[in-house]
C-alpha atoms as a PDB file:
ATOM      1  CA  MET A   1      17.526   8.532 -17.137  1.00  0.00           C
ATOM      2  CA  VAL A   2      14.431   9.011 -15.751  1.00  0.00           C
ATOM      3  CA  ASN A   3      12.928  12.026 -13.411  1.00  0.00           C
ATOM      4  CA  CYS A   4       8.917  12.030 -11.915  1.00  0.00           C
ATOM      5  CA  LYS A   5       7.926  14.735 -10.073  1.00  0.00           C
ATOM      6  CA  VAL A   6       4.041  14.775  -8.945  1.00  0.00           C
ATOM      7  CA  GLY A   7       2.119  17.401  -6.950  1.00  0.00           C
ATOM      8  CA  ILE A   8      -0.888  17.154  -4.305  1.00  0.00           C
ATOM      9  CA  GLU A   9      -3.356  19.342  -3.487  1.00  0.00           C
ATOM     10  CA  GLN A  10      -2.581  21.741  -0.599  1.00  0.00           C
ATOM     11  CA  LYS A  11      -3.688  20.778   2.528  1.00  0.00           C
ATOM     12  CA  LYS A  12      -3.006  19.639   5.952  1.00  0.00           C
ATOM     13  CA  ILE A  13      -0.525  16.662   6.243  1.00  0.00           C
ATOM     14  CA  GLU A  14      -0.987  14.908   9.328  1.00  0.00           C
ATOM     15  CA  SER A  15       0.635  11.381   8.923  1.00  0.00           C
ATOM     16  CA  ILE A  16       2.954   9.226   6.071  1.00  0.00           C
ATOM     17  CA  ASP A  17      -0.649   8.003   4.532  1.00  0.00           C
ATOM     18  CA  ASP A  18      -1.044  11.508   3.535  1.00  0.00           C
ATOM     19  CA  THR A  19       2.022  12.124   1.531  1.00  0.00           C
ATOM     20  CA  ILE A  20       3.239  10.138  -1.935  1.00  0.00           C
ATOM     21  CA  ASP A  21       5.291   6.710  -1.321  1.00  0.00           C
ATOM     22  CA  TYR A  22       8.027   8.024  -3.623  1.00  0.00           C
ATOM     23  CA  ALA A  23       9.789   4.281  -3.105  1.00  0.00           C
ATOM     24  CA  LEU A  24       6.711   2.628  -4.755  1.00  0.00           C
ATOM     25  CA  LEU A  25       6.621   5.509  -7.697  1.00  0.00           C
ATOM     26  CA  SER A  26      10.037   4.228  -8.040  1.00  0.00           C
ATOM     27  CA  ALA A  27       9.069   0.254  -7.922  1.00  0.00           C
ATOM     28  CA  ILE A  28       6.166   1.198 -10.821  1.00  0.00           C
ATOM     29  CA  ILE A  29       8.794   2.761 -12.966  1.00  0.00           C
ATOM     30  CA  HIS A  30      10.989   0.041 -12.425  1.00  0.00           C
ATOM     31  CA  GLN A  31       8.352  -2.776 -13.303  1.00  0.00           C
ATOM     32  CA  HIS A  32       7.808  -1.084 -16.487  1.00  0.00           C
ATOM     33  CA  PHE A  33      11.194  -0.513 -17.809  1.00  0.00           C
ATOM     34  CA  ALA A  34      11.790  -4.305 -17.207  1.00  0.00           C
ATOM     35  CA  VAL A  35       9.215  -5.375 -19.920  1.00  0.00           C
ATOM     36  CA  PRO A  36      10.696  -5.051 -23.472  1.00  0.00           C
ATOM     37  CA  THR A  37       8.588  -2.091 -24.932  1.00  0.00           C
ATOM     38  CA  PRO A  38       9.661  -0.528 -28.369  1.00  0.00           C
ATOM     39  CA  LEU A  39       8.248   2.939 -27.710  1.00  0.00           C
ATOM     40  CA  LEU A  40       9.725   5.478 -24.747  1.00  0.00           C
ATOM     41  CA  GLU A  41       6.203   6.994 -25.396  1.00  0.00           C
ATOM     42  CA  THR A  42       4.409   3.997 -24.321  1.00  0.00           C
ATOM     43  CA  VAL A  43       6.369   3.061 -21.551  1.00  0.00           C
ATOM     44  CA  ALA A  44       5.776   6.806 -20.301  1.00  0.00           C
ATOM     45  CA  ALA A  45       1.676   6.644 -20.610  1.00  0.00           C
ATOM     46  CA  ARG A  46       1.764   3.198 -18.846  1.00  0.00           C
ATOM     47  CA  ILE A  47       3.516   4.667 -16.082  1.00  0.00           C
ATOM     48  CA  GLU A  48       1.582   7.543 -15.865  1.00  0.00           C
ATOM     49  CA  ASP A  49      -1.568   5.398 -16.066  1.00  0.00           C
ATOM     50  CA  ASP A  50      -0.384   2.836 -12.857  1.00  0.00           C
ATOM     51  CA  ILE A  51       0.832   6.306 -11.002  1.00  0.00           C
ATOM     52  CA  MET A  52      -2.631   7.927 -11.514  1.00  0.00           C
ATOM     53  CA  ARG A  53      -4.492   4.754 -10.511  1.00  0.00           C
ATOM     54  CA  LYS A  54      -2.548   4.182  -7.215  1.00  0.00           C
ATOM     55  CA  TYR A  55      -2.493   8.367  -6.529  1.00  0.00           C
ATOM     56  CA  PRO A  56      -6.037  10.088  -7.741  1.00  0.00           C
ATOM     57  CA  VAL A  57      -4.720  12.736  -5.777  1.00  0.00           C
ATOM     58  CA  ILE A  58      -1.995  13.477  -7.551  1.00  0.00           C
ATOM     59  CA  ARG A  59      -2.940  17.085  -9.347  1.00  0.00           C
ATOM     60  CA  TYR A  60       0.215  17.404 -11.076  1.00  0.00           C
ATOM     61  CA  PHE A  61       1.958  14.574 -13.107  1.00  0.00           C
ATOM     62  CA  TYR A  62       5.512  15.226 -14.844  1.00  0.00           C
ATOM     63  CA  LEU A  63       7.870  12.393 -16.076  1.00  0.00           C
ATOM     64  CA  SER A  64      10.726  12.477 -18.283  1.00  0.00           C
ATOM     65  CA  ILE A  65      12.731   9.645 -19.667  1.00  0.00           C
ATOM     66  CA  LYS A  66      15.778  10.523 -21.288  1.00  0.00           C
ATOM     67  CA  LYS A  67      18.216   7.831 -23.478  1.00  0.00           C
ATOM     68  CA  LEU A  68      21.444   8.761 -23.098  1.00  0.00           C
ATOM     69  CA  ASN A  69      23.581   8.320 -26.533  1.00  0.00           C
ATOM     70  CA  PRO A  70      20.487   7.403 -28.860  1.00  0.00           C
ATOM     71  CA  ALA A  71      20.760   4.695 -31.763  1.00  0.00           C
ATOM     72  CA  LEU A  72      20.077   7.892 -34.356  1.00  0.00           C
ATOM     73  CA  ASN A  73      21.334   8.672 -37.826  1.00  0.00           C
ATOM     74  CA  ALA A  74      22.574  12.181 -36.399  1.00  0.00           C
ATOM     75  CA  ARG A  75      25.135  13.155 -33.574  1.00  0.00           C
ATOM     76  CA  ALA A  76      22.905  13.152 -30.383  1.00  0.00           C
ATOM     77  CA  ASP A  77      23.501  13.400 -26.395  1.00  0.00           C
ATOM     78  CA  SER A  78      20.177  11.890 -25.257  1.00  0.00           C
ATOM     79  CA  SER A  79      16.941  12.049 -26.790  1.00  0.00           C
ATOM     80  CA  GLU A  80      13.876  12.597 -24.618  1.00  0.00           C
ATOM     81  CA  VAL A  81      10.575  11.835 -23.795  1.00  0.00           C
ATOM     82  CA  ILE A  82       8.184  14.192 -21.569  1.00  0.00           C
ATOM     83  CA  ILE A  83       4.843  13.898 -20.394  1.00  0.00           C
ATOM     84  CA  GLU A  84       3.493  16.948 -17.955  1.00  0.00           C
ATOM     85  CA  ASN A  85      -0.193  17.308 -17.220  1.00  0.00           C
ATOM     86  CA  ASN A  86      -2.299  19.507 -14.534  1.00  0.00           C
ATOM     87  CA  TYR A  87      -5.537  16.991 -13.248  1.00  0.00           C
END
């Protein structure tokens, strides 16, 4: 389960080009999950790097990756990695 939030500076938005393309954000996220990676932290950091390169206007970034029913040595409904940054 993935939750991604971004914030940009408050400014006059006059066209679609002044906004964030959430379909592209989703595509970036899906692209990273297509590559087997042992650590969710690594996947999260790579997603953040790619999104920030594509959209340097972003001033707030939040990404949560939640693994449901993780294979742990304890009973847990989920485990979660969160990245939250202000730029």
